[in-house]
Amino acid sequence: MTVQQGNFLDARQVVQVKEGMTRAQVRFLLGTPMLPDAFDRDRWDYLYYLKVGRLQKAEEQRLTIYFTDDKVSRIENVGAPTEVPATEAPAASTPAAESPPAKTP
């Protein structure tokens, strides 16, 4: 039985989070945090847990974002991916991202 819980963290998104970003920018990239802390408004925890079968070890990831004056002041990464595969090109340079030429009637 597979058990998956939390926020799936993609390396392309994780590497874009930088100090100085606003809460809205972080929420746009990563979504709503899995664990909003009722005692500390300035800490967001993104947790991901994946357990496949009974014999394999569970995969656990945690990305904690700390805010000061509503801007990212510190990032703690425990197991979240940060390496984007080299075979992936930036979105702007792919043919699919370019708009097709306009047709005239």
PDB file of N, CA and C in Angstrom:
ATOM      1  N   MET A   1       0.842  -1.175   0.000  1.00  0.00           N
ATOM      2  CA  MET A   1       0.000   0.000   0.000  1.00  0.00           C
ATOM      3  C   MET A   1       0.889   1.240   0.000  1.00  0.00           C
ATOM      4  N   THR A   2       0.559   2.195  -0.848  1.00  0.00           N
ATOM      5  CA  THR A   2       1.319   3.440  -0.944  1.00  0.00           C
ATOM      6  C   THR A   2       0.616   4.526  -0.143  1.00  0.00           C
ATOM      7  N   VAL A   3       1.393   5.223   0.686  1.00  0.00           N
ATOM      8  CA  VAL A   3       0.857   6.333   1.475  1.00  0.00           C
ATOM      9  C   VAL A   3       1.625   7.585   1.082  1.00  0.00           C
ATOM     10  N   GLN A   4       0.896   8.599   0.608  1.00  0.00           N
ATOM     11  CA  GLN A   4       1.511   9.867   0.203  1.00  0.00           C
ATOM     12  C   GLN A   4       0.772  10.988   0.920  1.00  0.00           C
ATOM     13  N   GLN A   5       1.537  11.857   1.593  1.00  0.00           N
ATOM     14  CA  GLN A   5       0.929  12.959   2.334  1.00  0.00           C
ATOM     15  C   GLN A   5       1.768  14.217   2.178  1.00  0.00           C
ATOM     16  N   GLY A   6       1.116  15.365   2.257  1.00  0.00           N
ATOM     17  CA  GLY A   6       1.838  16.632   2.295  1.00  0.00           C
ATOM     18  C   GLY A   6       1.927  17.335   0.976  1.00  0.00           C
ATOM     19  N   ASN A   7       2.875  18.268   0.927  1.00  0.00           N
ATOM     20  CA  ASN A   7       3.124  19.092  -0.255  1.00  0.00           C
ATOM     21  C   ASN A   7       4.249  18.458  -1.068  1.00  0.00           C
ATOM     22  N   PHE A   8       3.945  18.032  -2.309  1.00  0.00           N
ATOM     23  CA  PHE A   8       5.008  17.532  -3.174  1.00  0.00           C
ATOM     24  C   PHE A   8       5.893  18.710  -3.543  1.00  0.00           C
ATOM     25  N   LEU A   9       7.185  18.578  -3.335  1.00  0.00           N
ATOM     26  CA  LEU A   9       8.131  19.658  -3.599  1.00  0.00           C
ATOM     27  C   LEU A   9       8.943  19.339  -4.843  1.00  0.00           C
ATOM     28  N   ASP A  10       8.808  20.168  -5.856  1.00  0.00           N
ATOM     29  CA  ASP A  10       9.525  20.011  -7.104  1.00  0.00           C
ATOM     30  C   ASP A  10      10.793  20.859  -7.053  1.00  0.00           C
ATOM     31  N   ALA A  11      11.906  20.321  -7.512  1.00  0.00           N
ATOM     32  CA  ALA A  11      13.193  21.033  -7.456  1.00  0.00           C
ATOM     33  C   ALA A  11      13.135  22.376  -8.176  1.00  0.00           C
ATOM     34  N   ARG A  12      12.407  22.442  -9.308  1.00  0.00           N
ATOM     35  CA  ARG A  12      12.306  23.710 -10.052  1.00  0.00           C
ATOM     36  C   ARG A  12      11.667  24.800  -9.207  1.00  0.00           C
ATOM     37  N   GLN A  13      10.750  24.418  -8.325  1.00  0.00           N
ATOM     38  CA  GLN A  13      10.095  25.397  -7.464  1.00  0.00           C
ATOM     39  C   GLN A  13      10.957  25.722  -6.246  1.00  0.00           C
ATOM     40  N   VAL A  14      11.533  24.699  -5.638  1.00  0.00           N
ATOM     41  CA  VAL A  14      12.329  24.881  -4.424  1.00  0.00           C
ATOM     42  C   VAL A  14      13.500  25.827  -4.667  1.00  0.00           C
ATOM     43  N   VAL A  15      14.194  25.685  -5.790  1.00  0.00           N
ATOM     44  CA  VAL A  15      15.373  26.516  -6.044  1.00  0.00           C
ATOM     45  C   VAL A  15      15.023  27.975  -6.320  1.00  0.00           C
ATOM     46  N   GLN A  16      13.756  28.248  -6.626  1.00  0.00           N
ATOM     47  CA  GLN A  16      13.344  29.626  -6.899  1.00  0.00           C
ATOM     48  C   GLN A  16      13.049  30.422  -5.632  1.00  0.00           C
ATOM     49  N   VAL A  17      12.858  29.745  -4.510  1.00  0.00           N
ATOM     50  CA  VAL A  17      12.570  30.444  -3.255  1.00  0.00           C
ATOM     51  C   VAL A  17      13.862  31.089  -2.759  1.00  0.00           C
ATOM     52  N   LYS A  18      13.817  32.387  -2.565  1.00  0.00           N
ATOM     53  CA  LYS A  18      15.002  33.152  -2.153  1.00  0.00           C
ATOM     54  C   LYS A  18      14.662  34.071  -0.991  1.00  0.00           C
ATOM     55  N   GLU A  19      15.688  34.433  -0.233  1.00  0.00           N
ATOM     56  CA  GLU A  19      15.504  35.416   0.839  1.00  0.00           C
ATOM     57  C   GLU A  19      15.032  36.727   0.232  1.00  0.00           C
ATOM     58  N   GLY A  20      14.114  37.393   0.937  1.00  0.00           N
ATOM     59  CA  GLY A  20      13.578  38.658   0.468  1.00  0.00           C
ATOM     60  C   GLY A  20      12.249  38.530  -0.258  1.00  0.00           C
ATOM     61  N   MET A  21      11.852  37.314  -0.620  1.00  0.00           N
ATOM     62  CA  MET A  21      10.567  37.124  -1.290  1.00  0.00           C
ATOM     63  C   MET A  21       9.424  37.369  -0.311  1.00  0.00           C
ATOM     64  N   THR A  22       8.276  37.771  -0.836  1.00  0.00           N
ATOM     65  CA  THR A  22       7.100  37.996   0.001  1.00  0.00           C
ATOM     66  C   THR A  22       6.363  36.680   0.230  1.00  0.00           C
ATOM     67  N   ARG A  23       5.446  36.691   1.187  1.00  0.00           N
ATOM     68  CA  ARG A  23       4.624  35.503   1.458  1.00  0.00           C
ATOM     69  C   ARG A  23       3.832  35.103   0.210  1.00  0.00           C
ATOM     70  N   ALA A  24       3.295  36.097  -0.496  1.00  0.00           N
ATOM     71  CA  ALA A  24       2.502  35.809  -1.693  1.00  0.00           C
ATOM     72  C   ALA A  24       3.347  35.119  -2.766  1.00  0.00           C
ATOM     73  N   GLN A  25       4.591  35.546  -2.924  1.00  0.00           N
ATOM     74  CA  GLN A  25       5.477  34.928  -3.909  1.00  0.00           C
ATOM     75  C   GLN A  25       5.779  33.480  -3.536  1.00  0.00           C
ATOM     76  N   VAL A  26       6.017  33.217  -2.250  1.00  0.00           N
ATOM     77  CA  VAL A  26       6.289  31.843  -1.792  1.00  0.00           C
ATOM     78  C   VAL A  26       5.046  30.981  -1.994  1.00  0.00           C
ATOM     79  N   ARG A  27       3.884  31.507  -1.635  1.00  0.00           N
ATOM     80  CA  ARG A  27       2.637  30.752  -1.801  1.00  0.00           C
ATOM     81  C   ARG A  27       2.379  30.449  -3.279  1.00  0.00           C
ATOM     82  N   PHE A  28       2.712  31.382  -4.166  1.00  0.00           N
ATOM     83  CA  PHE A  28       2.543  31.163  -5.600  1.00  0.00           C
ATOM     84  C   PHE A  28       3.427  30.009  -6.074  1.00  0.00           C
ATOM     85  N   LEU A  29       4.671  29.953  -5.591  1.00  0.00           N
ATOM     86  CA  LEU A  29       5.605  28.900  -6.007  1.00  0.00           C
ATOM     87  C   LEU A  29       5.296  27.544  -5.393  1.00  0.00           C
ATOM     88  N   LEU A  30       5.049  27.516  -4.088  1.00  0.00           N
ATOM     89  CA  LEU A  30       4.955  26.253  -3.360  1.00  0.00           C
ATOM     90  C   LEU A  30       3.551  25.866  -2.915  1.00  0.00           C
ATOM     91  N   GLY A  31       2.610  26.797  -2.996  1.00  0.00           N
ATOM     92  CA  GLY A  31       1.269  26.508  -2.512  1.00  0.00           C
ATOM     93  C   GLY A  31       1.152  26.833  -1.031  1.00  0.00           C
ATOM     94  N   THR A  32       0.017  26.480  -0.461  1.00  0.00           N
ATOM     95  CA  THR A  32      -0.236  26.721   0.955  1.00  0.00           C
ATOM     96  C   THR A  32       0.560  25.720   1.780  1.00  0.00           C
ATOM     97  N   PRO A  33       1.200  26.153   2.870  1.00  0.00           N
ATOM     98  CA  PRO A  33       1.993  25.219   3.671  1.00  0.00           C
ATOM     99  C   PRO A  33       1.127  24.138   4.310  1.00  0.00           C
ATOM    100  N   MET A  34       1.701  22.948   4.441  1.00  0.00           N
ATOM    101  CA  MET A  34       1.000  21.819   5.042  1.00  0.00           C
ATOM    102  C   MET A  34       0.723  22.067   6.518  1.00  0.00           C
ATOM    103  N   LEU A  35       1.681  22.679   7.194  1.00  0.00           N
ATOM    104  CA  LEU A  35       1.544  22.917   8.629  1.00  0.00           C
ATOM    105  C   LEU A  35       1.627  24.396   8.949  1.00  0.00           C
ATOM    106  N   PRO A  36       0.508  25.095   8.915  1.00  0.00           N
ATOM    107  CA  PRO A  36       0.568  26.483   9.380  1.00  0.00           C
ATOM    108  C   PRO A  36       0.714  26.466  10.895  1.00  0.00           C
ATOM    109  N   ASP A  37       1.685  27.171  11.409  1.00  0.00           N
ATOM    110  CA  ASP A  37       1.973  27.151  12.845  1.00  0.00           C
ATOM    111  C   ASP A  37       1.103  28.186  13.556  1.00  0.00           C
ATOM    112  N   ALA A  38       0.240  27.711  14.424  1.00  0.00           N
ATOM    113  CA  ALA A  38      -0.671  28.607  15.155  1.00  0.00           C
ATOM    114  C   ALA A  38       0.076  29.483  16.153  1.00  0.00           C
ATOM    115  N   PHE A  39       1.262  29.071  16.558  1.00  0.00           N
ATOM    116  CA  PHE A  39       2.024  29.809  17.559  1.00  0.00           C
ATOM    117  C   PHE A  39       3.082  30.722  16.956  1.00  0.00           C
ATOM    118  N   ASP A  40       3.440  30.470  15.688  1.00  0.00           N
ATOM    119  CA  ASP A  40       4.483  31.263  15.047  1.00  0.00           C
ATOM    120  C   ASP A  40       4.059  31.584  13.617  1.00  0.00           C
ATOM    121  N   ARG A  41       3.478  32.746  13.406  1.00  0.00           N
ATOM    122  CA  ARG A  41       2.999  33.163  12.086  1.00  0.00           C
ATOM    123  C   ARG A  41       4.131  33.317  11.080  1.00  0.00           C
ATOM    124  N   ASP A  42       5.342  33.447  11.571  1.00  0.00           N
ATOM    125  CA  ASP A  42       6.479  33.716  10.703  1.00  0.00           C
ATOM    126  C   ASP A  42       7.244  32.455  10.308  1.00  0.00           C
ATOM    127  N   ARG A  43       6.592  31.301  10.403  1.00  0.00           N
ATOM    128  CA  ARG A  43       7.219  30.038  10.016  1.00  0.00           C
ATOM    129  C   ARG A  43       6.207  29.210   9.228  1.00  0.00           C
ATOM    130  N   TRP A  44       6.611  28.799   8.032  1.00  0.00           N
ATOM    131  CA  TRP A  44       5.790  27.912   7.221  1.00  0.00           C
ATOM    132  C   TRP A  44       6.561  26.623   7.006  1.00  0.00           C
ATOM    133  N   ASP A  45       5.905  25.485   7.237  1.00  0.00           N
ATOM    134  CA  ASP A  45       6.511  24.174   7.025  1.00  0.00           C
ATOM    135  C   ASP A  45       5.829  23.457   5.875  1.00  0.00           C
ATOM    136  N   TYR A  46       6.638  23.071   4.908  1.00  0.00           N
ATOM    137  CA  TYR A  46       6.162  22.261   3.793  1.00  0.00           C
ATOM    138  C   TYR A  46       6.715  20.861   4.009  1.00  0.00           C
ATOM    139  N   LEU A  47       5.826  19.908   4.243  1.00  0.00           N
ATOM    140  CA  LEU A  47       6.232  18.537   4.524  1.00  0.00           C
ATOM    141  C   LEU A  47       5.727  17.618   3.423  1.00  0.00           C
ATOM    142  N   TYR A  48       6.534  16.606   3.112  1.00  0.00           N
ATOM    143  CA  TYR A  48       6.124  15.599   2.140  1.00  0.00           C
ATOM    144  C   TYR A  48       6.569  14.246   2.662  1.00  0.00           C
ATOM    145  N   TYR A  49       5.661  13.260   2.573  1.00  0.00           N
ATOM    146  CA  TYR A  49       5.928  11.921   3.066  1.00  0.00           C
ATOM    147  C   TYR A  49       5.417  10.934   2.029  1.00  0.00           C
ATOM    148  N   LEU A  50       6.268   9.973   1.637  1.00  0.00           N
ATOM    149  CA  LEU A  50       5.870   8.943   0.688  1.00  0.00           C
ATOM    150  C   LEU A  50       6.371   7.595   1.186  1.00  0.00           C
ATOM    151  N   LYS A  51       5.438   6.671   1.371  1.00  0.00           N
ATOM    152  CA  LYS A  51       5.778   5.319   1.819  1.00  0.00           C
ATOM    153  C   LYS A  51       5.199   4.360   0.797  1.00  0.00           C
ATOM    154  N   VAL A  52       6.083   3.612   0.126  1.00  0.00           N
ATOM    155  CA  VAL A  52       5.661   2.649  -0.884  1.00  0.00           C
ATOM    156  C   VAL A  52       5.884   1.252  -0.316  1.00  0.00           C
ATOM    157  N   GLY A  53       4.805   0.521  -0.149  1.00  0.00           N
ATOM    158  CA  GLY A  53       4.907  -0.845   0.373  1.00  0.00           C
ATOM    159  C   GLY A  53       5.329  -0.884   1.833  1.00  0.00           C
ATOM    160  N   ARG A  54       5.572  -2.081   2.305  1.00  0.00           N
ATOM    161  CA  ARG A  54       5.926  -2.260   3.718  1.00  0.00           C
ATOM    162  C   ARG A  54       7.431  -2.329   3.949  1.00  0.00           C
ATOM    163  N   LEU A  55       8.162  -2.721   2.927  1.00  0.00           N
ATOM    164  CA  LEU A  55       9.584  -2.986   3.123  1.00  0.00           C
ATOM    165  C   LEU A  55      10.487  -1.798   2.817  1.00  0.00           C
ATOM    166  N   GLN A  56      10.031  -0.900   1.987  1.00  0.00           N
ATOM    167  CA  GLN A  56      10.874   0.240   1.637  1.00  0.00           C
ATOM    168  C   GLN A  56      10.803   1.318   2.705  1.00  0.00           C
ATOM    169  N   LYS A  57      11.925   2.016   2.869  1.00  0.00           N
ATOM    170  CA  LYS A  57      11.972   3.135   3.808  1.00  0.00           C
ATOM    171  C   LYS A  57      11.170   4.305   3.245  1.00  0.00           C
ATOM    172  N   ALA A  58      10.468   5.004   4.094  1.00  0.00           N
ATOM    173  CA  ALA A  58       9.664   6.144   3.669  1.00  0.00           C
ATOM    174  C   ALA A  58      10.564   7.304   3.248  1.00  0.00           C
ATOM    175  N   GLU A  59      10.100   8.049   2.246  1.00  0.00           N
ATOM    176  CA  GLU A  59      10.796   9.256   1.812  1.00  0.00           C
ATOM    177  C   GLU A  59      10.159  10.437   2.544  1.00  0.00           C
ATOM    178  N   GLU A  60      10.984  11.209   3.215  1.00  0.00           N
ATOM    179  CA  GLU A  60      10.483  12.363   3.952  1.00  0.00           C
ATOM    180  C   GLU A  60      11.250  13.612   3.537  1.00  0.00           C
ATOM    181  N   GLN A  61      10.517  14.712   3.339  1.00  0.00           N
ATOM    182  CA  GLN A  61      11.122  15.985   2.966  1.00  0.00           C
ATOM    183  C   GLN A  61      10.504  17.079   3.815  1.00  0.00           C
ATOM    184  N   ARG A  62      11.322  18.053   4.176  1.00  0.00           N
ATOM    185  CA  ARG A  62      10.803  19.206   4.922  1.00  0.00           C
ATOM    186  C   ARG A  62      11.501  20.456   4.433  1.00  0.00           C
ATOM    187  N   LEU A  63      10.699  21.454   4.095  1.00  0.00           N
ATOM    188  CA  LEU A  63      11.205  22.761   3.718  1.00  0.00           C
ATOM    189  C   LEU A  63      10.532  23.754   4.651  1.00  0.00           C
ATOM    190  N   THR A  64      11.327  24.441   5.459  1.00  0.00           N
ATOM    191  CA  THR A  64      10.793  25.411   6.413  1.00  0.00           C
ATOM    192  C   THR A  64      11.229  26.797   5.979  1.00  0.00           C
ATOM    193  N   ILE A  65      10.239  27.683   5.860  1.00  0.00           N
ATOM    194  CA  ILE A  65      10.480  29.059   5.442  1.00  0.00           C
ATOM    195  C   ILE A  65      10.193  29.965   6.629  1.00  0.00           C
ATOM    196  N   TYR A  66      11.154  30.812   6.980  1.00  0.00           N
ATOM    197  CA  TYR A  66      10.993  31.769   8.076  1.00  0.00           C
ATOM    198  C   TYR A  66      10.850  33.169   7.488  1.00  0.00           C
ATOM    199  N   PHE A  67       9.943  33.943   8.058  1.00  0.00           N
ATOM    200  CA  PHE A  67       9.683  35.299   7.589  1.00  0.00           C
ATOM    201  C   PHE A  67      10.030  36.320   8.663  1.00  0.00           C
ATOM    202  N   THR A  68      10.538  37.457   8.244  1.00  0.00           N
ATOM    203  CA  THR A  68      10.740  38.633   9.090  1.00  0.00           C
ATOM    204  C   THR A  68      10.177  39.813   8.304  1.00  0.00           C
ATOM    205  N   ASP A  69       9.257  40.540   8.913  1.00  0.00           N
ATOM    206  CA  ASP A  69       8.580  41.660   8.243  1.00  0.00           C
ATOM    207  C   ASP A  69       7.931  41.214   6.935  1.00  0.00           C
ATOM    208  N   ASP A  70       7.307  40.027   6.957  1.00  0.00           N
ATOM    209  CA  ASP A  70       6.587  39.459   5.807  1.00  0.00           C
ATOM    210  C   ASP A  70       7.456  39.164   4.598  1.00  0.00           C
ATOM    211  N   LYS A  71       8.768  39.002   4.799  1.00  0.00           N
ATOM    212  CA  LYS A  71       9.675  38.607   3.721  1.00  0.00           C
ATOM    213  C   LYS A  71      10.512  37.425   4.205  1.00  0.00           C
ATOM    214  N   VAL A  72      10.890  36.558   3.287  1.00  0.00           N
ATOM    215  CA  VAL A  72      11.695  35.379   3.632  1.00  0.00           C
ATOM    216  C   VAL A  72      13.021  35.832   4.219  1.00  0.00           C
ATOM    217  N   SER A  73      13.312  35.339   5.429  1.00  0.00           N
ATOM    218  CA  SER A  73      14.573  35.684   6.079  1.00  0.00           C
ATOM    219  C   SER A  73      15.517  34.482   6.173  1.00  0.00           C
ATOM    220  N   ARG A  74      14.937  33.266   6.131  1.00  0.00           N
ATOM    221  CA  ARG A  74      15.769  32.063   6.252  1.00  0.00           C
ATOM    222  C   ARG A  74      15.014  30.880   5.668  1.00  0.00           C
ATOM    223  N   ILE A  75      15.756  29.937   5.103  1.00  0.00           N
ATOM    224  CA  ILE A  75      15.173  28.726   4.517  1.00  0.00           C
ATOM    225  C   ILE A  75      15.932  27.524   5.066  1.00  0.00           C
ATOM    226  N   GLU A  76      15.196  26.558   5.610  1.00  0.00           N
ATOM    227  CA  GLU A  76      15.794  25.297   6.065  1.00  0.00           C
ATOM    228  C   GLU A  76      15.289  24.188   5.158  1.00  0.00           C
ATOM    229  N   ASN A  77      16.208  23.430   4.584  1.00  0.00           N
ATOM    230  CA  ASN A  77      15.849  22.360   3.668  1.00  0.00           C
ATOM    231  C   ASN A  77      16.380  21.043   4.203  1.00  0.00           C
ATOM    232  N   VAL A  78      15.472  20.117   4.499  1.00  0.00           N
ATOM    233  CA  VAL A  78      15.861  18.785   4.954  1.00  0.00           C
ATOM    234  C   VAL A  78      15.256  17.776   3.989  1.00  0.00           C
ATOM    235  N   GLY A  79      16.018  17.419   2.980  1.00  0.00           N
ATOM    236  CA  GLY A  79      15.602  16.381   2.046  1.00  0.00           C
ATOM    237  C   GLY A  79      14.798  16.839   0.848  1.00  0.00           C
ATOM    238  N   ALA A  80      14.442  18.097   0.752  1.00  0.00           N
ATOM    239  CA  ALA A  80      13.698  18.570  -0.417  1.00  0.00           C
ATOM    240  C   ALA A  80      14.646  18.653  -1.609  1.00  0.00           C
ATOM    241  N   PRO A  81      14.168  18.309  -2.795  1.00  0.00           N
ATOM    242  CA  PRO A  81      15.043  18.294  -3.970  1.00  0.00           C
ATOM    243  C   PRO A  81      15.492  19.696  -4.367  1.00  0.00           C
ATOM    244  N   THR A  82      16.741  19.794  -4.814  1.00  0.00           N
ATOM    245  CA  THR A  82      17.277  21.077  -5.264  1.00  0.00           C
ATOM    246  C   THR A  82      18.006  20.963  -6.601  1.00  0.00           C
ATOM    247  N   GLU A  83      18.109  19.761  -7.140  1.00  0.00           N
ATOM    248  CA  GLU A  83      18.813  19.573  -8.409  1.00  0.00           C
ATOM    249  C   GLU A  83      17.815  19.399  -9.537  1.00  0.00           C
ATOM    250  N   VAL A  84      17.805  20.355 -10.455  1.00  0.00           N
ATOM    251  CA  VAL A  84      16.949  20.284 -11.630  1.00  0.00           C
ATOM    252  C   VAL A  84      17.699  19.477 -12.675  1.00  0.00           C
ATOM    253  N   PRO A  85      17.047  18.471 -13.292  1.00  0.00           N
ATOM    254  CA  PRO A  85      17.748  17.664 -14.295  1.00  0.00           C
ATOM    255  C   PRO A  85      18.337  18.530 -15.403  1.00  0.00           C
ATOM    256  N   ALA A  86      19.560  18.215 -15.815  1.00  0.00           N
ATOM    257  CA  ALA A  86      20.270  18.995 -16.824  1.00  0.00           C
ATOM    258  C   ALA A  86      19.596  18.919 -18.185  1.00  0.00           C
ATOM    259  N   THR A  87      18.805  17.884 -18.424  1.00  0.00           N
ATOM    260  CA  THR A  87      18.150  17.717 -19.725  1.00  0.00           C
ATOM    261  C   THR A  87      16.983  18.679 -19.914  1.00  0.00           C
ATOM    262  N   GLU A  88      16.546  19.324 -18.837  1.00  0.00           N
ATOM    263  CA  GLU A  88      15.423  20.248 -18.941  1.00  0.00           C
ATOM    264  C   GLU A  88      15.918  21.640 -19.301  1.00  0.00           C
ATOM    265  N   ALA A  89      15.365  22.194 -20.345  1.00  0.00           N
ATOM    266  CA  ALA A  89      15.727  23.545 -20.778  1.00  0.00           C
ATOM    267  C   ALA A  89      14.806  24.542 -20.086  1.00  0.00           C
ATOM    268  N   PRO A  90      15.233  25.783 -19.935  1.00  0.00           N
ATOM    269  CA  PRO A  90      14.348  26.802 -19.372  1.00  0.00           C
ATOM    270  C   PRO A  90      13.075  26.932 -20.199  1.00  0.00           C
ATOM    271  N   ALA A  91      11.953  27.181 -19.540  1.00  0.00           N
ATOM    272  CA  ALA A  91      10.646  27.212 -20.196  1.00  0.00           C
ATOM    273  C   ALA A  91      10.586  28.216 -21.344  1.00  0.00           C
ATOM    274  N   ALA A  92      11.241  29.347 -21.230  1.00  0.00           N
ATOM    275  CA  ALA A  92      11.158  30.391 -22.248  1.00  0.00           C
ATOM    276  C   ALA A  92      11.819  29.980 -23.563  1.00  0.00           C
ATOM    277  N   SER A  93      12.767  29.043 -23.524  1.00  0.00           N
ATOM    278  CA  SER A  93      13.484  28.688 -24.744  1.00  0.00           C
ATOM    279  C   SER A  93      12.907  27.463 -25.441  1.00  0.00           C
ATOM    280  N   THR A  94      11.879  26.852 -24.867  1.00  0.00           N
ATOM    281  CA  THR A  94      11.304  25.678 -25.507  1.00  0.00           C
ATOM    282  C   THR A  94      10.323  26.109 -26.578  1.00  0.00           C
ATOM    283  N   PRO A  95      10.210  25.363 -27.673  1.00  0.00           N
ATOM    284  CA  PRO A  95       9.284  25.728 -28.747  1.00  0.00           C
ATOM    285  C   PRO A  95       7.832  25.806 -28.261  1.00  0.00           C
ATOM    286  N   ALA A  96       7.445  24.970 -27.319  1.00  0.00           N
ATOM    287  CA  ALA A  96       6.069  24.975 -26.825  1.00  0.00           C
ATOM    288  C   ALA A  96       5.732  26.286 -26.129  1.00  0.00           C
ATOM    289  N   ALA A  97       6.724  26.952 -25.572  1.00  0.00           N
ATOM    290  CA  ALA A  97       6.475  28.191 -24.847  1.00  0.00           C
ATOM    291  C   ALA A  97       6.328  29.391 -25.784  1.00  0.00           C
ATOM    292  N   GLU A  98       6.802  29.243 -27.011  1.00  0.00           N
ATOM    293  CA  GLU A  98       6.713  30.347 -27.954  1.00  0.00           C
ATOM    294  C   GLU A  98       5.339  30.341 -28.603  1.00  0.00           C
ATOM    295  N   SER A  99       4.824  31.509 -28.867  1.00  0.00           N
ATOM    296  CA  SER A  99       3.513  31.592 -29.497  1.00  0.00           C
ATOM    297  C   SER A  99       3.659  31.402 -31.010  1.00  0.00           C
ATOM    298  N   PRO A 100       2.660  30.747 -31.620  1.00  0.00           N
ATOM    299  CA  PRO A 100       2.739  30.532 -33.062  1.00  0.00           C
ATOM    300  C   PRO A 100       2.507  31.831 -33.804  1.00  0.00           C
ATOM    301  N   PRO A 101       2.996  31.963 -35.030  1.00  0.00           N
ATOM    302  CA  PRO A 101       2.798  33.193 -35.785  1.00  0.00           C
ATOM    303  C   PRO A 101       1.302  33.406 -36.055  1.00  0.00           C
ATOM    304  N   ALA A 102       0.890  34.663 -36.080  1.00  0.00           N
ATOM    305  CA  ALA A 102      -0.507  34.999 -36.309  1.00  0.00           C
ATOM    306  C   ALA A 102      -0.867  34.716 -37.757  1.00  0.00           C
ATOM    307  N   LYS A 103      -2.083  34.154 -37.944  1.00  0.00           N
ATOM    308  CA  LYS A 103      -2.557  33.856 -39.298  1.00  0.00           C
ATOM    309  C   LYS A 103      -3.448  34.997 -39.762  1.00  0.00           C
ATOM    310  N   THR A 104      -3.310  35.337 -41.028  1.00  0.00           N
ATOM    311  CA  THR A 104      -4.175  36.377 -41.586  1.00  0.00           C
ATOM    312  C   THR A 104      -5.240  35.713 -42.451  1.00  0.00           C
ATOM    313  N   PRO A 105      -6.473  36.206 -42.387  1.00  0.00           N
ATOM    314  CA  PRO A 105      -7.541  35.560 -43.186  1.00  0.00           C
ATOM    315  C   PRO A 105      -7.447  35.834 -44.650  1.00  0.00           C
TER     316      PRO A 105
END
